[in-house]
Amino acid sequence: MTTFDERAEALRQAGVPFAIATVVRTVDATSAKPGAKALILQDGSIAEGWVGGGCARGAITRAASEALSDGQPRFVSLRPEELLEAEGASHGEERDGVRYARSRCPSKGSMDVFVEAVTPPPELVVCGESPVALALCELSAHLGFSRTLRAPGLPAEKVPAVERLADDFAFDGMLGAERYVVVATQGKGDEAALRGAIASGAAYVAFVGSHRKFAALRQRLIDDGVGPEALDGVKSPAGLDISAITPDEIALSILAEIVALRRSRQRPAIPA
């Protein structure tokens, strides 16, 4: 394993998002050659590798930042100003999946770079040991989530196959990955679980229960000092309305809602 591969693997293991930029084509003189690669972090810094000097780095790191934001790859074509003009392209224009960028390198070379995001798997956190909670853990096994079950006092023989089992509702120290939290405590630790969930910074917090039950719980938390705005984003009842009745059906409706939310955020914008 090369130093580049070792560094990439270390970032993966640490749950740190990064982008891989690969030079796929060059024309005339360029400092980086085809096959050159760099690992680019969210702040634009290069953790490892090389894809050219300052005249190329800005456009590539911007593309990396965008790829990390929406999960979509980018193809950047860096060309001298006069070549862009000759081809009727402009700096920042995107055409047929290619982003054109101006290169101010004195060498007047051109370079095409492919940028792809490498992000931690989305994190599904299920709070509770109810039938719905256990069904969520089982049904999500094939959806690519890193799964945590937070179920205080759950007997070991009832623990489903999840990556992590936590015995409380405190979220301190958890990965800052894309996170979806479902409170399926159903009467056993509702307030503690919901309090932890809304403080977790999750992209999605859902509560399994009726409108009436959540309204009563919401008021208790507000009376106890939780800001109303923190509770406004909680989805309750959890899941899409598919007339679900059984625990498996409810779990399916919740996972469908999470998938729909994830994909809507990743979908590239359609030009007007």
C-alpha atoms as a PDB file:
ATOM      1  CA  MET A   1       0.000   0.000   0.000  1.00  0.00           C
ATOM      2  CA  THR A   2       1.410   3.394  -1.028  1.00  0.00           C
ATOM      3  CA  THR A   3       1.551   6.439   1.225  1.00  0.00           C
ATOM      4  CA  PHE A   4      -1.394   7.857  -0.730  1.00  0.00           C
ATOM      5  CA  ASP A   5      -3.465   4.716  -0.136  1.00  0.00           C
ATOM      6  CA  GLU A   6      -2.465   4.596   3.526  1.00  0.00           C
ATOM      7  CA  ARG A   7      -3.560   8.192   4.032  1.00  0.00           C
ATOM      8  CA  ALA A   8      -6.867   7.579   2.228  1.00  0.00           C
ATOM      9  CA  GLU A   9      -7.546   4.516   4.343  1.00  0.00           C
ATOM     10  CA  ALA A  10      -6.711   6.400   7.544  1.00  0.00           C
ATOM     11  CA  LEU A  11      -9.228   9.103   6.608  1.00  0.00           C
ATOM     12  CA  ARG A  12     -11.869   6.475   5.866  1.00  0.00           C
ATOM     13  CA  GLN A  13     -11.285   4.746   9.187  1.00  0.00           C
ATOM     14  CA  ALA A  14     -11.529   8.074  11.023  1.00  0.00           C
ATOM     15  CA  GLY A  15     -14.807   8.914   9.279  1.00  0.00           C
ATOM     16  CA  VAL A  16     -13.344  12.065   7.683  1.00  0.00           C
ATOM     17  CA  PRO A  17     -14.927  13.104   4.358  1.00  0.00           C
ATOM     18  CA  PHE A  18     -12.484  13.776   1.532  1.00  0.00           C
ATOM     19  CA  ALA A  19     -12.350  14.021  -2.238  1.00  0.00           C
ATOM     20  CA  ILE A  20      -9.995  12.277  -4.644  1.00  0.00           C
ATOM     21  CA  ALA A  21      -8.865  14.425  -7.561  1.00  0.00           C
ATOM     22  CA  THR A  22      -7.261  12.522 -10.459  1.00  0.00           C
ATOM     23  CA  VAL A  23      -5.581  14.045 -13.498  1.00  0.00           C
ATOM     24  CA  VAL A  24      -6.916  12.076 -16.475  1.00  0.00           C
ATOM     25  CA  ARG A  25      -5.547  14.064 -19.428  1.00  0.00           C
ATOM     26  CA  THR A  26      -3.048  16.808 -20.151  1.00  0.00           C
ATOM     27  CA  VAL A  27      -2.180  18.771 -23.285  1.00  0.00           C
ATOM     28  CA  ASP A  28       1.148  20.596 -23.727  1.00  0.00           C
ATOM     29  CA  ALA A  29       3.229  21.432 -20.665  1.00  0.00           C
ATOM     30  CA  THR A  30       1.642  20.943 -17.226  1.00  0.00           C
ATOM     31  CA  SER A  31       3.186  20.439 -13.803  1.00  0.00           C
ATOM     32  CA  ALA A  32       0.963  17.441 -13.025  1.00  0.00           C
ATOM     33  CA  LYS A  33       0.770  14.501 -15.398  1.00  0.00           C
ATOM     34  CA  PRO A  34      -1.995  11.944 -16.125  1.00  0.00           C
ATOM     35  CA  GLY A  35      -2.487   9.668 -13.153  1.00  0.00           C
ATOM     36  CA  ALA A  36      -1.482  12.271 -10.586  1.00  0.00           C
ATOM     37  CA  LYS A  37      -3.815  12.285  -7.584  1.00  0.00           C
ATOM     38  CA  ALA A  38      -4.573  14.321  -4.485  1.00  0.00           C
ATOM     39  CA  LEU A  39      -6.699  13.847  -1.383  1.00  0.00           C
ATOM     40  CA  ILE A  40      -8.603  17.063  -0.678  1.00  0.00           C
ATOM     41  CA  LEU A  41     -10.330  17.775   2.639  1.00  0.00           C
ATOM     42  CA  GLN A  42     -13.502  19.791   3.222  1.00  0.00           C
ATOM     43  CA  ASP A  43     -11.537  22.952   4.009  1.00  0.00           C
ATOM     44  CA  GLY A  44      -9.755  22.768   0.641  1.00  0.00           C
ATOM     45  CA  SER A  45      -6.432  21.626   2.047  1.00  0.00           C
ATOM     46  CA  ILE A  46      -4.553  18.810   0.338  1.00  0.00           C
ATOM     47  CA  ALA A  47      -3.939  15.937   2.727  1.00  0.00           C
ATOM     48  CA  GLU A  48      -1.800  13.942   0.313  1.00  0.00           C
ATOM     49  CA  GLY A  49      -0.711  13.997  -3.323  1.00  0.00           C
ATOM     50  CA  TRP A  50      -0.317  16.585  -6.047  1.00  0.00           C
ATOM     51  CA  VAL A  51      -2.481  17.780  -8.969  1.00  0.00           C
ATOM     52  CA  GLY A  52      -0.673  20.965  -9.948  1.00  0.00           C
ATOM     53  CA  GLY A  53       0.322  24.328  -8.573  1.00  0.00           C
ATOM     54  CA  GLY A  54      -1.653  27.387  -7.581  1.00  0.00           C
ATOM     55  CA  CYS A  55      -2.869  28.051 -11.125  1.00  0.00           C
ATOM     56  CA  ALA A  56      -4.871  24.817 -11.042  1.00  0.00           C
ATOM     57  CA  ARG A  57      -5.522  24.237  -7.358  1.00  0.00           C
ATOM     58  CA  GLY A  58      -8.296  26.800  -6.874  1.00  0.00           C
ATOM     59  CA  ALA A  59     -10.650  25.316  -9.466  1.00  0.00           C
ATOM     60  CA  ILE A  60      -9.948  21.777  -8.293  1.00  0.00           C
ATOM     61  CA  THR A  61     -10.474  22.478  -4.598  1.00  0.00           C
ATOM     62  CA  ARG A  62     -13.736  24.304  -5.391  1.00  0.00           C
ATOM     63  CA  ALA A  63     -14.915  21.263  -7.322  1.00  0.00           C
ATOM     64  CA  ALA A  64     -13.910  19.050  -4.390  1.00  0.00           C
ATOM     65  CA  SER A  65     -15.892  21.195  -1.961  1.00  0.00           C
ATOM     66  CA  GLU A  66     -18.978  20.984  -4.182  1.00  0.00           C
ATOM     67  CA  ALA A  67     -18.595  17.218  -4.577  1.00  0.00           C
ATOM     68  CA  LEU A  68     -18.405  16.805  -0.818  1.00  0.00           C
ATOM     69  CA  SER A  69     -21.521  18.938  -0.395  1.00  0.00           C
ATOM     70  CA  ASP A  70     -23.803  16.979  -2.715  1.00  0.00           C
ATOM     71  CA  GLY A  71     -22.006  13.666  -3.260  1.00  0.00           C
ATOM     72  CA  GLN A  72     -21.873  14.157  -7.031  1.00  0.00           C
ATOM     73  CA  PRO A  73     -18.568  13.803  -8.949  1.00  0.00           C
ATOM     74  CA  ARG A  74     -17.118  16.658 -10.961  1.00  0.00           C
ATOM     75  CA  PHE A  75     -15.086  16.767 -14.189  1.00  0.00           C
ATOM     76  CA  VAL A  76     -12.981  19.911 -14.488  1.00  0.00           C
ATOM     77  CA  SER A  77     -11.240  21.011 -17.680  1.00  0.00           C
ATOM     78  CA  LEU A  78      -8.558  23.646 -17.027  1.00  0.00           C
ATOM     79  CA  ARG A  79      -7.595  25.561 -20.157  1.00  0.00           C
ATOM     80  CA  PRO A  80      -5.815  28.806 -21.036  1.00  0.00           C
ATOM     81  CA  GLU A  81      -8.069  31.829 -21.572  1.00  0.00           C
ATOM     82  CA  GLU A  82      -7.439  31.997 -25.303  1.00  0.00           C
ATOM     83  CA  LEU A  83      -8.307  28.328 -25.757  1.00  0.00           C
ATOM     84  CA  LEU A  84     -11.559  28.761 -23.870  1.00  0.00           C
ATOM     85  CA  GLU A  85     -12.458  31.702 -26.104  1.00  0.00           C
ATOM     86  CA  ALA A  86     -11.568  29.773 -29.243  1.00  0.00           C
ATOM     87  CA  GLU A  87     -13.922  26.969 -28.200  1.00  0.00           C
ATOM     88  CA  GLY A  88     -16.718  29.351 -27.206  1.00  0.00           C
ATOM     89  CA  ALA A  89     -16.509  28.384 -23.552  1.00  0.00           C
ATOM     90  CA  SER A  90     -16.220  30.586 -20.492  1.00  0.00           C
ATOM     91  CA  HIS A  91     -14.731  30.198 -17.037  1.00  0.00           C
ATOM     92  CA  GLY A  92     -17.147  28.391 -14.720  1.00  0.00           C
ATOM     93  CA  GLU A  93     -19.409  27.172 -17.537  1.00  0.00           C
ATOM     94  CA  GLU A  94     -20.628  23.602 -17.365  1.00  0.00           C
ATOM     95  CA  ARG A  95     -21.386  21.767 -20.583  1.00  0.00           C
ATOM     96  CA  ASP A  96     -22.267  18.089 -20.990  1.00  0.00           C
ATOM     97  CA  GLY A  97     -20.945  17.299 -17.520  1.00  0.00           C
ATOM     98  CA  VAL A  98     -17.658  19.190 -17.990  1.00  0.00           C
ATOM     99  CA  ARG A  99     -16.847  22.234 -15.858  1.00  0.00           C
ATOM    100  CA  TYR A 100     -14.551  24.634 -17.737  1.00  0.00           C
ATOM    101  CA  ALA A 101     -12.059  26.648 -15.738  1.00  0.00           C
ATOM    102  CA  ARG A 102      -9.432  29.218 -16.616  1.00  0.00           C
ATOM    103  CA  SER A 103      -5.803  28.232 -16.207  1.00  0.00           C
ATOM    104  CA  ARG A 104      -3.347  31.074 -15.743  1.00  0.00           C
ATOM    105  CA  CYS A 105      -0.286  28.843 -15.842  1.00  0.00           C
ATOM    106  CA  PRO A 106       2.525  30.415 -17.924  1.00  0.00           C
ATOM    107  CA  SER A 107       3.067  27.061 -19.634  1.00  0.00           C
ATOM    108  CA  LYS A 108      -0.339  27.428 -21.405  1.00  0.00           C
ATOM    109  CA  GLY A 109      -1.040  23.739 -20.862  1.00  0.00           C
ATOM    110  CA  SER A 110      -4.465  22.172 -20.423  1.00  0.00           C
ATOM    111  CA  MET A 111      -5.501  19.592 -17.861  1.00  0.00           C
ATOM    112  CA  ASP A 112      -8.634  17.510 -17.245  1.00  0.00           C
ATOM    113  CA  VAL A 113      -9.310  16.400 -13.667  1.00  0.00           C
ATOM    114  CA  PHE A 114     -11.923  14.012 -12.278  1.00  0.00           C
ATOM    115  CA  VAL A 115     -13.049  14.737  -8.712  1.00  0.00           C
ATOM    116  CA  GLU A 116     -15.047  12.270  -6.621  1.00  0.00           C
ATOM    117  CA  ALA A 117     -16.222  12.461  -3.022  1.00  0.00           C
ATOM    118  CA  VAL A 118     -15.499   9.811  -0.417  1.00  0.00           C
ATOM    119  CA  THR A 119     -17.792  10.263   2.559  1.00  0.00           C
ATOM    120  CA  PRO A 120     -18.582   8.160   5.641  1.00  0.00           C
ATOM    121  CA  PRO A 121     -21.704   6.034   5.334  1.00  0.00           C
ATOM    122  CA  PRO A 122     -24.878   7.729   6.537  1.00  0.00           C
ATOM    123  CA  GLU A 123     -25.518   7.044  10.198  1.00  0.00           C
ATOM    124  CA  LEU A 124     -28.840   5.666  11.355  1.00  0.00           C
ATOM    125  CA  VAL A 125     -29.382   5.939  15.105  1.00  0.00           C
ATOM    126  CA  VAL A 126     -32.354   4.069  16.512  1.00  0.00           C
ATOM    127  CA  CYS A 127     -33.424   4.846  20.072  1.00  0.00           C
ATOM    128  CA  GLY A 128     -35.410   2.205  21.903  1.00  0.00           C
ATOM    129  CA  GLU A 129     -36.021  -1.496  22.134  1.00  0.00           C
ATOM    130  CA  SER A 130     -39.566  -1.530  20.813  1.00  0.00           C
ATOM    131  CA  PRO A 131     -40.645  -3.816  17.950  1.00  0.00           C
ATOM    132  CA  VAL A 132     -40.408  -0.853  15.566  1.00  0.00           C
ATOM    133  CA  ALA A 133     -36.860  -0.076  16.754  1.00  0.00           C
ATOM    134  CA  LEU A 134     -35.729  -3.661  16.193  1.00  0.00           C
ATOM    135  CA  ALA A 135     -37.463  -3.790  12.809  1.00  0.00           C
ATOM    136  CA  LEU A 136     -35.634  -0.605  11.783  1.00  0.00           C
ATOM    137  CA  CYS A 137     -32.289  -2.192  12.637  1.00  0.00           C
ATOM    138  CA  GLU A 138     -33.099  -5.307  10.637  1.00  0.00           C
ATOM    139  CA  LEU A 139     -34.595  -3.654   7.551  1.00  0.00           C
ATOM    140  CA  SER A 140     -31.815  -1.054   7.282  1.00  0.00           C
ATOM    141  CA  ALA A 141     -29.092  -3.709   7.100  1.00  0.00           C
ATOM    142  CA  HIS A 142     -28.994  -3.602   3.289  1.00  0.00           C
ATOM    143  CA  LEU A 143     -29.198   0.179   2.833  1.00  0.00           C
ATOM    144  CA  GLY A 144     -25.584   1.073   3.533  1.00  0.00           C
ATOM    145  CA  PHE A 145     -26.106   2.792   6.876  1.00  0.00           C
ATOM    146  CA  SER A 146     -23.724   2.732   9.800  1.00  0.00           C
ATOM    147  CA  ARG A 147     -26.199   1.661  12.460  1.00  0.00           C
ATOM    148  CA  THR A 148     -26.330   2.395  16.169  1.00  0.00           C
ATOM    149  CA  LEU A 149     -28.990   1.083  18.525  1.00  0.00           C
ATOM    150  CA  ARG A 150     -29.381   3.096  21.713  1.00  0.00           C
ATOM    151  CA  ALA A 151     -31.355   0.813  24.009  1.00  0.00           C
ATOM    152  CA  PRO A 152     -30.650   1.042  27.744  1.00  0.00           C
ATOM    153  CA  GLY A 153     -31.026  -2.321  29.403  1.00  0.00           C
ATOM    154  CA  LEU A 154     -31.730  -4.349  26.272  1.00  0.00           C
ATOM    155  CA  PRO A 155     -30.816  -8.011  26.951  1.00  0.00           C
ATOM    156  CA  ALA A 156     -27.902  -9.218  24.856  1.00  0.00           C
ATOM    157  CA  GLU A 157     -29.947 -11.998  23.272  1.00  0.00           C
ATOM    158  CA  LYS A 158     -32.339  -9.424  21.814  1.00  0.00           C
ATOM    159  CA  VAL A 159     -29.651  -7.224  20.244  1.00  0.00           C
ATOM    160  CA  PRO A 160     -29.952  -7.211  16.432  1.00  0.00           C
ATOM    161  CA  ALA A 161     -26.926  -7.082  14.155  1.00  0.00           C
ATOM    162  CA  VAL A 162     -25.845  -3.442  14.426  1.00  0.00           C
ATOM    163  CA  GLU A 163     -22.395  -1.861  14.369  1.00  0.00           C
ATOM    164  CA  ARG A 164     -22.776  -0.207  17.768  1.00  0.00           C
ATOM    165  CA  LEU A 165     -24.965  -0.734  20.811  1.00  0.00           C
ATOM    166  CA  ALA A 166     -25.221   2.103  23.322  1.00  0.00           C
ATOM    167  CA  ASP A 167     -26.916   1.877  26.693  1.00  0.00           C
ATOM    168  CA  ASP A 168     -27.939   5.517  27.024  1.00  0.00           C
ATOM    169  CA  PHE A 169     -29.317   8.408  24.987  1.00  0.00           C
ATOM    170  CA  ALA A 170     -26.253  10.682  25.181  1.00  0.00           C
ATOM    171  CA  PHE A 171     -24.855  11.573  21.776  1.00  0.00           C
ATOM    172  CA  ASP A 172     -21.507  13.014  22.873  1.00  0.00           C
ATOM    173  CA  GLY A 173     -18.525  11.794  20.882  1.00  0.00           C
ATOM    174  CA  MET A 174     -20.475  10.293  17.994  1.00  0.00           C
ATOM    175  CA  LEU A 175     -19.229  10.776  14.451  1.00  0.00           C
ATOM    176  CA  GLY A 176     -20.325  13.964  12.742  1.00  0.00           C
ATOM    177  CA  ALA A 177     -21.392  12.002   9.686  1.00  0.00           C
ATOM    178  CA  GLU A 178     -24.699  12.361   7.872  1.00  0.00           C
ATOM    179  CA  ARG A 179     -26.999  11.308  10.683  1.00  0.00           C
ATOM    180  CA  TYR A 180     -30.639  10.228  10.913  1.00  0.00           C
ATOM    181  CA  VAL A 181     -32.179   9.609  14.330  1.00  0.00           C
ATOM    182  CA  VAL A 182     -35.408   7.747  14.978  1.00  0.00           C
ATOM    183  CA  VAL A 183     -36.873   7.772  18.483  1.00  0.00           C
ATOM    184  CA  ALA A 184     -38.830   4.527  18.746  1.00  0.00           C
ATOM    185  CA  THR A 185     -38.795   4.193  22.542  1.00  0.00           C
ATOM    186  CA  GLN A 186     -42.602   3.992  22.670  1.00  0.00           C
ATOM    187  CA  GLY A 187     -43.003   4.824  26.330  1.00  0.00           C
ATOM    188  CA  LYS A 188     -39.601   3.760  27.690  1.00  0.00           C
ATOM    189  CA  GLY A 189     -37.380   6.828  27.940  1.00  0.00           C
ATOM    190  CA  ASP A 190     -39.220   9.017  25.426  1.00  0.00           C
ATOM    191  CA  GLU A 191     -38.150  12.349  26.923  1.00  0.00           C
ATOM    192  CA  ALA A 192     -34.485  11.436  27.410  1.00  0.00           C
ATOM    193  CA  ALA A 193     -34.212   9.969  23.915  1.00  0.00           C
ATOM    194  CA  LEU A 194     -35.894  12.913  22.216  1.00  0.00           C
ATOM    195  CA  ARG A 195     -33.812  15.402  24.185  1.00  0.00           C
ATOM    196  CA  GLY A 196     -30.630  13.659  23.045  1.00  0.00           C
ATOM    197  CA  ALA A 197     -31.859  13.363  19.469  1.00  0.00           C
ATOM    198  CA  ILE A 198     -32.630  17.057  18.983  1.00  0.00           C
ATOM    199  CA  ALA A 199     -29.233  17.958  20.479  1.00  0.00           C
ATOM    200  CA  SER A 200     -27.363  15.591  18.143  1.00  0.00           C
ATOM    201  CA  GLY A 201     -27.231  17.817  15.079  1.00  0.00           C
ATOM    202  CA  ALA A 202     -28.944  15.151  12.991  1.00  0.00           C
ATOM    203  CA  ALA A 203     -30.227  15.831   9.481  1.00  0.00           C
ATOM    204  CA  TYR A 204     -33.452  14.066  10.439  1.00  0.00           C
ATOM    205  CA  VAL A 205     -35.129  13.393  13.770  1.00  0.00           C
ATOM    206  CA  ALA A 206     -38.346  11.409  13.866  1.00  0.00           C
ATOM    207  CA  PHE A 207     -40.588  10.281  16.703  1.00  0.00           C
ATOM    208  CA  VAL A 208     -42.626   7.098  16.469  1.00  0.00           C
ATOM    209  CA  GLY A 209     -45.985   7.923  18.001  1.00  0.00           C
ATOM    210  CA  SER A 210     -49.264   9.690  17.406  1.00  0.00           C
ATOM    211  CA  HIS A 211     -49.746  13.435  16.929  1.00  0.00           C
ATOM    212  CA  ARG A 212     -51.379  13.607  20.359  1.00  0.00           C
ATOM    213  CA  LYS A 213     -48.581  11.744  22.116  1.00  0.00           C
ATOM    214  CA  PHE A 214     -45.886  13.900  20.535  1.00  0.00           C
ATOM    215  CA  ALA A 215     -47.799  17.099  21.344  1.00  0.00           C
ATOM    216  CA  ALA A 216     -47.929  16.144  25.029  1.00  0.00           C
ATOM    217  CA  LEU A 217     -44.244  15.180  25.033  1.00  0.00           C
ATOM    218  CA  ARG A 218     -43.322  18.383  23.239  1.00  0.00           C
ATOM    219  CA  GLN A 219     -45.084  20.486  25.851  1.00  0.00           C
ATOM    220  CA  ARG A 220     -43.378  18.647  28.702  1.00  0.00           C
ATOM    221  CA  LEU A 221     -39.975  19.303  27.141  1.00  0.00           C
ATOM    222  CA  ILE A 222     -40.803  22.980  26.571  1.00  0.00           C
ATOM    223  CA  ASP A 223     -41.936  23.292  30.192  1.00  0.00           C
ATOM    224  CA  ASP A 224     -38.606  21.749  31.165  1.00  0.00           C
ATOM    225  CA  GLY A 225     -36.640  24.398  29.262  1.00  0.00           C
ATOM    226  CA  VAL A 226     -36.220  22.974  25.751  1.00  0.00           C
ATOM    227  CA  GLY A 227     -36.671  25.681  23.102  1.00  0.00           C
ATOM    228  CA  PRO A 228     -39.761  25.212  20.886  1.00  0.00           C
ATOM    229  CA  GLU A 229     -37.687  25.835  17.757  1.00  0.00           C
ATOM    230  CA  ALA A 230     -35.562  22.789  18.581  1.00  0.00           C
ATOM    231  CA  LEU A 231     -38.684  20.629  18.454  1.00  0.00           C
ATOM    232  CA  ASP A 232     -40.204  22.165  15.332  1.00  0.00           C
ATOM    233  CA  GLY A 233     -38.092  20.031  13.006  1.00  0.00           C
ATOM    234  CA  VAL A 234     -39.037  16.701  14.581  1.00  0.00           C
ATOM    235  CA  LYS A 235     -41.045  14.527  12.184  1.00  0.00           C
ATOM    236  CA  SER A 236     -43.976  12.962  13.973  1.00  0.00           C
ATOM    237  CA  PRO A 237     -45.559  10.640  13.218  1.00  0.00           C
ATOM    238  CA  ALA A 238     -42.398   9.219  11.717  1.00  0.00           C
ATOM    239  CA  GLY A 239     -42.354   7.925   8.156  1.00  0.00           C
ATOM    240  CA  LEU A 240     -44.278   8.305   4.926  1.00  0.00           C
ATOM    241  CA  ASP A 241     -48.017   7.751   5.030  1.00  0.00           C
ATOM    242  CA  ILE A 242     -48.373   4.262   3.556  1.00  0.00           C
ATOM    243  CA  SER A 243     -51.136   3.194   5.974  1.00  0.00           C
ATOM    244  CA  ALA A 244     -48.559   1.138   7.879  1.00  0.00           C
ATOM    245  CA  ILE A 245     -49.805  -1.007  10.746  1.00  0.00           C
ATOM    246  CA  THR A 246     -47.214  -3.651  11.676  1.00  0.00           C
ATOM    247  CA  PRO A 247     -43.762  -2.823  13.114  1.00  0.00           C
ATOM    248  CA  ASP A 248     -42.119  -3.913   9.854  1.00  0.00           C
ATOM    249  CA  GLU A 249     -44.444  -1.709   7.809  1.00  0.00           C
ATOM    250  CA  ILE A 250     -43.820   1.286  10.081  1.00  0.00           C
ATOM    251  CA  ALA A 251     -40.065   0.704   9.843  1.00  0.00           C
ATOM    252  CA  LEU A 252     -40.360   0.502   6.054  1.00  0.00           C
ATOM    253  CA  SER A 253     -42.234   3.819   5.916  1.00  0.00           C
ATOM    254  CA  ILE A 254     -39.541   5.500   8.034  1.00  0.00           C
ATOM    255  CA  LEU A 255     -36.665   4.145   5.956  1.00  0.00           C
ATOM    256  CA  ALA A 256     -38.460   5.199   2.764  1.00  0.00           C
ATOM    257  CA  GLU A 257     -38.758   8.727   4.158  1.00  0.00           C
ATOM    258  CA  ILE A 258     -35.060   8.813   5.033  1.00  0.00           C
ATOM    259  CA  VAL A 259     -34.043   7.540   1.595  1.00  0.00           C
ATOM    260  CA  ALA A 260     -36.278  10.123  -0.091  1.00  0.00           C
ATOM    261  CA  LEU A 261     -34.731  12.894   2.009  1.00  0.00           C
ATOM    262  CA  ARG A 262     -31.170  11.726   1.283  1.00  0.00           C
ATOM    263  CA  ARG A 263     -31.689  11.429  -2.460  1.00  0.00           C
ATOM    264  CA  SER A 264     -33.446  14.797  -2.733  1.00  0.00           C
ATOM    265  CA  ARG A 265     -30.393  16.425  -1.164  1.00  0.00           C
ATOM    266  CA  GLN A 266     -28.004  14.595  -3.471  1.00  0.00           C
ATOM    267  CA  ARG A 267     -29.964  15.216  -6.660  1.00  0.00           C
ATOM    268  CA  PRO A 268     -28.091  17.659  -8.904  1.00  0.00           C
ATOM    269  CA  ALA A 269     -29.854  20.891  -9.743  1.00  0.00           C
ATOM    270  CA  ILE A 270     -31.517  20.981 -13.165  1.00  0.00           C
ATOM    271  CA  PRO A 271     -30.606  24.130 -15.136  1.00  0.00           C
ATOM    272  CA  ALA A 272     -33.547  26.408 -15.872  1.00  0.00           C
END
